[in-house]
Amino acid sequence: MSTEITTAPAIRLLSIDFDCPDPVELARFYGEALGLPVVYSSDDFVLLGREGSPGLGFIRVADYRPPTWPDPSQGKQAHMELGVEDLEAAQARMLALGATEPPVQPHPEERRVLLDPAGHPFCISTQS
């Protein structure tokens, strides 16, 4: 048995990245919704964030196929939960920015499922 003490390496979150057909369009949507500036941009990748904090990245994928949630044929892949004070006002804002509303709302009294312009589901929720 070893008495050597090892410490875990420091690991930090740099970004959460989403595949999409148009990184500029999806970055515009989330940048306006969350008040995040562009910190890096190329033809195939846009990163939103603030110095010293994790960011949101958007990667161009040529044959991108959006999730078909709630139909499981093309899984949702991942989704974000965004906290809000007022569901109705937040939903109206996200729809005005380009989100769409799917036909299924599992718990509409506490959260709303919306789809970003590339089809990724995300939730707005009053739960902390």
N, C-alpha and C. Protein backbone atom coordinates (compact mmCIF):
# COMPACT_ATOMS: atom_id res chain seq x y z
N MET A 1 0.84 -1.17 0.00
CA MET A 1 0.00 0.00 0.00
C MET A 1 0.89 1.23 0.00
N SER A 2 0.60 2.15 -0.88
CA SER A 2 1.39 3.36 -1.01
C SER A 2 0.89 4.42 -0.05
N THR A 3 1.83 5.14 0.54
CA THR A 3 1.45 6.26 1.42
C THR A 3 1.61 7.59 0.70
N GLU A 4 1.93 7.50 -0.59
CA GLU A 4 2.09 8.72 -1.38
C GLU A 4 0.74 9.42 -1.53
N ILE A 5 0.74 10.71 -1.28
CA ILE A 5 -0.49 11.50 -1.42
C ILE A 5 -0.47 12.13 -2.80
N THR A 6 -1.52 11.89 -3.54
CA THR A 6 -1.63 12.49 -4.86
C THR A 6 -2.80 13.46 -4.87
N THR A 7 -2.65 14.50 -5.62
CA THR A 7 -3.75 15.44 -5.74
C THR A 7 -4.30 15.35 -7.15
N ALA A 8 -5.54 15.59 -7.26
CA ALA A 8 -6.19 15.55 -8.57
C ALA A 8 -5.73 16.76 -9.37
N PRO A 9 -5.54 16.57 -10.68
CA PRO A 9 -5.16 17.72 -11.50
C PRO A 9 -6.31 18.72 -11.56
N ALA A 10 -5.95 19.97 -11.67
CA ALA A 10 -6.98 21.01 -11.80
C ALA A 10 -7.61 20.92 -13.17
N ILE A 11 -8.90 20.79 -13.21
CA ILE A 11 -9.65 20.73 -14.47
C ILE A 11 -10.71 21.81 -14.39
N ARG A 12 -10.80 22.59 -15.44
CA ARG A 12 -11.80 23.65 -15.42
C ARG A 12 -12.59 23.62 -16.72
N LEU A 13 -13.80 24.01 -16.64
CA LEU A 13 -14.66 24.07 -17.81
C LEU A 13 -14.27 25.27 -18.66
N LEU A 14 -13.98 25.03 -19.93
CA LEU A 14 -13.67 26.12 -20.85
C LEU A 14 -14.90 26.59 -21.60
N SER A 15 -15.66 25.61 -22.14
CA SER A 15 -16.87 25.98 -22.87
C SER A 15 -17.75 24.76 -23.03
N ILE A 16 -18.99 25.03 -23.32
CA ILE A 16 -19.93 24.01 -23.77
C ILE A 16 -20.20 24.35 -25.21
N ASP A 17 -19.97 23.40 -26.11
CA ASP A 17 -20.05 23.66 -27.54
C ASP A 17 -21.22 22.92 -28.18
N PHE A 18 -21.87 23.59 -29.11
CA PHE A 18 -23.01 23.03 -29.81
C PHE A 18 -22.70 22.92 -31.30
N ASP A 19 -22.98 21.75 -31.87
CA ASP A 19 -22.93 21.60 -33.32
C ASP A 19 -24.11 22.35 -33.91
N CYS A 20 -23.93 22.91 -35.09
CA CYS A 20 -25.01 23.66 -35.73
C CYS A 20 -24.65 23.92 -37.19
N PRO A 21 -25.62 24.33 -38.01
CA PRO A 21 -25.31 24.63 -39.40
C PRO A 21 -24.72 26.03 -39.60
N ASP A 22 -25.00 26.98 -38.67
CA ASP A 22 -24.55 28.35 -38.83
C ASP A 22 -24.14 28.91 -37.47
N PRO A 23 -22.83 28.87 -37.15
CA PRO A 23 -22.39 29.33 -35.83
C PRO A 23 -22.67 30.81 -35.55
N VAL A 24 -22.62 31.64 -36.56
CA VAL A 24 -22.88 33.07 -36.36
C VAL A 24 -24.33 33.28 -35.93
N GLU A 25 -25.26 32.61 -36.61
CA GLU A 25 -26.68 32.76 -36.27
C GLU A 25 -26.96 32.27 -34.85
N LEU A 26 -26.44 31.10 -34.49
CA LEU A 26 -26.72 30.56 -33.17
C LEU A 26 -26.03 31.39 -32.08
N ALA A 27 -24.84 31.89 -32.34
CA ALA A 27 -24.15 32.77 -31.38
C ALA A 27 -24.93 34.07 -31.19
N ARG A 28 -25.49 34.61 -32.26
CA ARG A 28 -26.31 35.82 -32.14
C ARG A 28 -27.49 35.57 -31.21
N PHE A 29 -28.17 34.44 -31.42
CA PHE A 29 -29.34 34.09 -30.61
C PHE A 29 -28.97 34.02 -29.13
N TYR A 30 -27.97 33.19 -28.78
CA TYR A 30 -27.60 33.03 -27.38
C TYR A 30 -26.91 34.27 -26.82
N GLY A 31 -26.14 34.96 -27.64
CA GLY A 31 -25.50 36.19 -27.18
C GLY A 31 -26.51 37.24 -26.76
N GLU A 32 -27.55 37.42 -27.57
CA GLU A 32 -28.60 38.38 -27.21
C GLU A 32 -29.43 37.89 -26.04
N ALA A 33 -29.73 36.60 -26.01
CA ALA A 33 -30.56 36.06 -24.92
C ALA A 33 -29.85 36.15 -23.57
N LEU A 34 -28.54 35.90 -23.55
CA LEU A 34 -27.81 35.82 -22.29
C LEU A 34 -26.90 37.03 -22.03
N GLY A 35 -26.86 37.96 -22.96
CA GLY A 35 -26.01 39.13 -22.77
C GLY A 35 -24.53 38.80 -22.81
N LEU A 36 -24.14 37.84 -23.63
CA LEU A 36 -22.74 37.43 -23.73
C LEU A 36 -22.11 37.95 -25.01
N PRO A 37 -20.93 38.53 -24.92
CA PRO A 37 -20.24 39.01 -26.12
C PRO A 37 -19.47 37.89 -26.83
N VAL A 38 -19.17 38.11 -28.09
CA VAL A 38 -18.32 37.20 -28.85
C VAL A 38 -16.89 37.43 -28.40
N VAL A 39 -16.20 36.34 -28.01
CA VAL A 39 -14.79 36.47 -27.62
C VAL A 39 -13.86 35.87 -28.67
N TYR A 40 -14.42 35.07 -29.56
CA TYR A 40 -13.63 34.52 -30.67
C TYR A 40 -14.59 34.16 -31.79
N SER A 41 -14.15 34.38 -33.03
CA SER A 41 -14.99 34.04 -34.16
C SER A 41 -14.12 33.66 -35.36
N SER A 42 -14.51 32.57 -36.02
CA SER A 42 -13.91 32.17 -37.30
C SER A 42 -15.07 31.73 -38.20
N ASP A 43 -14.76 31.28 -39.39
CA ASP A 43 -15.82 30.83 -40.30
C ASP A 43 -16.61 29.65 -39.73
N ASP A 44 -15.94 28.81 -38.94
CA ASP A 44 -16.58 27.57 -38.48
C ASP A 44 -16.80 27.49 -36.98
N PHE A 45 -16.46 28.53 -36.23
CA PHE A 45 -16.60 28.47 -34.78
C PHE A 45 -16.78 29.87 -34.21
N VAL A 46 -17.73 30.01 -33.28
CA VAL A 46 -17.92 31.26 -32.55
C VAL A 46 -17.99 30.91 -31.07
N LEU A 47 -17.27 31.68 -30.25
CA LEU A 47 -17.28 31.48 -28.80
C LEU A 47 -17.81 32.74 -28.13
N LEU A 48 -18.81 32.55 -27.27
CA LEU A 48 -19.37 33.62 -26.45
C LEU A 48 -18.84 33.48 -25.04
N GLY A 49 -18.67 34.57 -24.33
CA GLY A 49 -18.27 34.47 -22.94
C GLY A 49 -17.73 35.76 -22.38
N ARG A 50 -17.13 35.62 -21.20
CA ARG A 50 -16.48 36.73 -20.53
C ARG A 50 -15.13 36.23 -20.02
N GLU A 51 -14.17 37.11 -19.97
CA GLU A 51 -12.82 36.77 -19.52
C GLU A 51 -12.87 36.04 -18.17
N GLY A 52 -12.23 34.90 -18.10
CA GLY A 52 -12.14 34.14 -16.86
C GLY A 52 -13.34 33.25 -16.56
N SER A 53 -14.33 33.23 -17.44
CA SER A 53 -15.52 32.39 -17.21
C SER A 53 -15.70 31.42 -18.37
N PRO A 54 -16.34 30.28 -18.11
CA PRO A 54 -16.62 29.35 -19.21
C PRO A 54 -17.51 30.02 -20.26
N GLY A 55 -17.41 29.56 -21.48
CA GLY A 55 -18.19 30.14 -22.56
C GLY A 55 -19.10 29.15 -23.24
N LEU A 56 -19.80 29.65 -24.23
CA LEU A 56 -20.65 28.82 -25.08
C LEU A 56 -20.06 28.89 -26.49
N GLY A 57 -19.80 27.72 -27.07
CA GLY A 57 -19.24 27.67 -28.40
C GLY A 57 -20.21 27.06 -29.39
N PHE A 58 -20.07 27.46 -30.65
CA PHE A 58 -20.96 27.00 -31.71
C PHE A 58 -20.09 26.59 -32.89
N ILE A 59 -20.19 25.31 -33.27
CA ILE A 59 -19.32 24.72 -34.28
C ILE A 59 -20.12 24.36 -35.52
N ARG A 60 -19.65 24.81 -36.69
CA ARG A 60 -20.31 24.48 -37.96
C ARG A 60 -20.11 22.99 -38.26
N VAL A 61 -21.22 22.31 -38.56
CA VAL A 61 -21.20 20.91 -38.99
C VAL A 61 -21.97 20.87 -40.32
N ALA A 62 -21.29 20.44 -41.36
CA ALA A 62 -21.86 20.48 -42.72
C ALA A 62 -23.15 19.67 -42.84
N ASP A 63 -23.20 18.49 -42.26
CA ASP A 63 -24.39 17.64 -42.40
C ASP A 63 -25.21 17.62 -41.11
N TYR A 64 -25.23 18.75 -40.42
CA TYR A 64 -25.95 18.84 -39.15
C TYR A 64 -27.41 18.44 -39.30
N ARG A 65 -27.86 17.60 -38.37
CA ARG A 65 -29.28 17.21 -38.29
C ARG A 65 -29.79 17.59 -36.91
N PRO A 66 -30.77 18.47 -36.84
CA PRO A 66 -31.24 18.92 -35.52
C PRO A 66 -31.94 17.80 -34.75
N PRO A 67 -31.96 17.93 -33.44
CA PRO A 67 -32.71 16.98 -32.63
C PRO A 67 -34.19 17.00 -33.01
N THR A 68 -34.86 15.89 -32.83
CA THR A 68 -36.29 15.79 -33.15
C THR A 68 -37.13 15.69 -31.89
N TRP A 69 -36.64 16.19 -30.78
CA TRP A 69 -37.35 16.11 -29.50
C TRP A 69 -38.78 16.61 -29.66
N PRO A 70 -39.77 15.90 -29.14
CA PRO A 70 -39.67 14.75 -28.24
C PRO A 70 -39.57 13.41 -28.95
N ASP A 71 -39.63 13.39 -30.26
CA ASP A 71 -39.43 12.16 -31.03
C ASP A 71 -37.99 11.71 -30.84
N PRO A 72 -37.76 10.47 -30.38
CA PRO A 72 -36.39 10.03 -30.10
C PRO A 72 -35.56 9.63 -31.33
N SER A 73 -36.09 9.77 -32.53
CA SER A 73 -35.36 9.30 -33.71
C SER A 73 -34.03 10.05 -33.90
N GLN A 74 -33.94 11.30 -33.53
CA GLN A 74 -32.67 12.05 -33.53
C GLN A 74 -32.61 12.73 -32.17
N GLY A 75 -31.93 12.08 -31.22
CA GLY A 75 -31.92 12.50 -29.82
C GLY A 75 -31.57 13.96 -29.60
N LYS A 76 -31.97 14.48 -28.42
CA LYS A 76 -31.75 15.89 -28.12
C LYS A 76 -30.29 16.23 -27.88
N GLN A 77 -29.43 15.27 -27.68
CA GLN A 77 -27.99 15.44 -27.54
C GLN A 77 -27.61 16.12 -26.23
N ALA A 78 -28.11 17.26 -25.94
CA ALA A 78 -27.85 18.01 -24.71
C ALA A 78 -28.84 19.16 -24.67
N HIS A 79 -28.99 19.75 -23.51
CA HIS A 79 -29.81 20.96 -23.46
C HIS A 79 -29.38 21.82 -22.27
N MET A 80 -29.74 23.08 -22.32
CA MET A 80 -29.44 24.02 -21.24
C MET A 80 -30.72 24.34 -20.49
N GLU A 81 -30.55 24.56 -19.20
CA GLU A 81 -31.63 25.07 -18.34
C GLU A 81 -31.27 26.51 -18.01
N LEU A 82 -32.12 27.43 -18.35
CA LEU A 82 -31.89 28.85 -18.08
C LEU A 82 -32.89 29.32 -17.03
N GLY A 83 -32.40 29.94 -15.97
CA GLY A 83 -33.26 30.43 -14.90
C GLY A 83 -33.87 31.77 -15.25
N VAL A 84 -35.16 31.91 -14.96
CA VAL A 84 -35.89 33.15 -15.24
C VAL A 84 -36.82 33.47 -14.08
N GLU A 85 -37.20 34.73 -13.98
CA GLU A 85 -38.17 35.15 -12.96
C GLU A 85 -39.60 35.01 -13.46
N ASP A 86 -39.82 35.33 -14.73
CA ASP A 86 -41.15 35.38 -15.31
C ASP A 86 -41.18 34.52 -16.58
N LEU A 87 -41.84 33.37 -16.51
CA LEU A 87 -41.88 32.44 -17.64
C LEU A 87 -42.48 33.07 -18.90
N GLU A 88 -43.59 33.76 -18.74
CA GLU A 88 -44.26 34.34 -19.91
C GLU A 88 -43.38 35.37 -20.61
N ALA A 89 -42.80 36.27 -19.82
CA ALA A 89 -41.95 37.32 -20.41
C ALA A 89 -40.69 36.71 -21.03
N ALA A 90 -40.09 35.75 -20.36
CA ALA A 90 -38.88 35.12 -20.89
C ALA A 90 -39.19 34.34 -22.16
N GLN A 91 -40.31 33.64 -22.18
CA GLN A 91 -40.69 32.89 -23.38
C GLN A 91 -40.92 33.85 -24.55
N ALA A 92 -41.60 34.94 -24.31
CA ALA A 92 -41.85 35.92 -25.37
C ALA A 92 -40.53 36.48 -25.90
N ARG A 93 -39.59 36.75 -25.02
CA ARG A 93 -38.28 37.28 -25.43
C ARG A 93 -37.54 36.27 -26.29
N MET A 94 -37.50 35.01 -25.86
CA MET A 94 -36.77 33.98 -26.61
C MET A 94 -37.42 33.74 -27.98
N LEU A 95 -38.74 33.74 -28.04
CA LEU A 95 -39.42 33.58 -29.32
C LEU A 95 -39.11 34.76 -30.25
N ALA A 96 -39.06 35.96 -29.70
CA ALA A 96 -38.74 37.14 -30.51
C ALA A 96 -37.31 37.07 -31.05
N LEU A 97 -36.42 36.40 -30.31
CA LEU A 97 -35.03 36.27 -30.75
C LEU A 97 -34.85 35.17 -31.81
N GLY A 98 -35.87 34.32 -31.98
CA GLY A 98 -35.76 33.28 -33.00
C GLY A 98 -36.00 31.86 -32.52
N ALA A 99 -36.29 31.68 -31.24
CA ALA A 99 -36.62 30.35 -30.73
C ALA A 99 -37.99 29.95 -31.27
N THR A 100 -38.26 28.66 -31.24
CA THR A 100 -39.59 28.16 -31.59
C THR A 100 -40.09 27.30 -30.44
N GLU A 101 -41.38 27.11 -30.40
CA GLU A 101 -42.00 26.32 -29.33
C GLU A 101 -42.44 24.98 -29.88
N PRO A 102 -41.92 23.87 -29.29
CA PRO A 102 -42.36 22.55 -29.74
C PRO A 102 -43.78 22.27 -29.25
N PRO A 103 -44.44 21.27 -29.81
CA PRO A 103 -45.82 20.99 -29.42
C PRO A 103 -45.97 20.37 -28.04
N VAL A 104 -44.88 19.85 -27.46
CA VAL A 104 -44.95 19.19 -26.15
C VAL A 104 -44.35 20.08 -25.08
N GLN A 105 -45.07 20.26 -23.99
CA GLN A 105 -44.60 21.01 -22.82
C GLN A 105 -44.85 20.14 -21.59
N PRO A 106 -43.84 19.35 -21.14
CA PRO A 106 -44.06 18.41 -20.04
C PRO A 106 -44.51 19.05 -18.72
N HIS A 107 -43.97 20.20 -18.33
CA HIS A 107 -44.31 20.85 -17.06
C HIS A 107 -44.41 22.36 -17.27
N PRO A 108 -45.41 22.82 -18.04
CA PRO A 108 -45.45 24.23 -18.43
C PRO A 108 -45.63 25.21 -17.27
N GLU A 109 -46.09 24.75 -16.13
CA GLU A 109 -46.28 25.66 -15.00
C GLU A 109 -44.96 26.04 -14.34
N GLU A 110 -43.91 25.21 -14.50
CA GLU A 110 -42.61 25.51 -13.87
C GLU A 110 -41.47 25.68 -14.86
N ARG A 111 -41.62 25.19 -16.09
CA ARG A 111 -40.57 25.34 -17.11
C ARG A 111 -41.19 25.24 -18.48
N ARG A 112 -40.54 25.87 -19.44
CA ARG A 112 -40.96 25.79 -20.83
C ARG A 112 -39.81 25.25 -21.66
N VAL A 113 -40.12 24.34 -22.52
CA VAL A 113 -39.14 23.82 -23.47
C VAL A 113 -39.27 24.64 -24.74
N LEU A 114 -38.15 25.14 -25.23
CA LEU A 114 -38.11 25.87 -26.49
C LEU A 114 -37.00 25.27 -27.34
N LEU A 115 -36.99 25.61 -28.62
CA LEU A 115 -35.96 25.14 -29.54
C LEU A 115 -35.19 26.34 -30.05
N ASP A 116 -33.85 26.27 -29.99
CA ASP A 116 -33.06 27.38 -30.53
C ASP A 116 -33.11 27.35 -32.05
N PRO A 117 -32.55 28.33 -32.75
CA PRO A 117 -32.65 28.36 -34.20
C PRO A 117 -32.05 27.16 -34.93
N ALA A 118 -31.17 26.39 -34.27
CA ALA A 118 -30.61 25.18 -34.87
C ALA A 118 -31.36 23.92 -34.44
N GLY A 119 -32.43 24.09 -33.64
CA GLY A 119 -33.26 22.96 -33.23
C GLY A 119 -32.90 22.32 -31.90
N HIS A 120 -31.88 22.84 -31.18
CA HIS A 120 -31.53 22.29 -29.87
C HIS A 120 -32.60 22.67 -28.85
N PRO A 121 -33.14 21.69 -28.11
CA PRO A 121 -34.07 22.04 -27.04
C PRO A 121 -33.32 22.73 -25.89
N PHE A 122 -33.97 23.70 -25.27
CA PHE A 122 -33.46 24.29 -24.03
C PHE A 122 -34.68 24.64 -23.19
N CYS A 123 -34.46 24.78 -21.88
CA CYS A 123 -35.57 25.08 -20.99
C CYS A 123 -35.37 26.43 -20.32
N ILE A 124 -36.46 27.12 -20.11
CA ILE A 124 -36.47 28.28 -19.23
C ILE A 124 -37.30 27.84 -18.02
N SER A 125 -36.78 28.14 -16.83
CA SER A 125 -37.39 27.61 -15.61
C SER A 125 -37.38 28.63 -14.50
N THR A 126 -38.43 28.61 -13.67
CA THR A 126 -38.48 29.47 -12.50
C THR A 126 -37.87 28.78 -11.29
N GLN A 127 -37.48 27.54 -11.42
CA GLN A 127 -36.86 26.83 -10.30
C GLN A 127 -35.42 27.28 -10.15
N SER A 128 -34.94 27.35 -8.90
CA SER A 128 -33.55 27.79 -8.71
C SER A 128 -32.60 26.63 -8.79
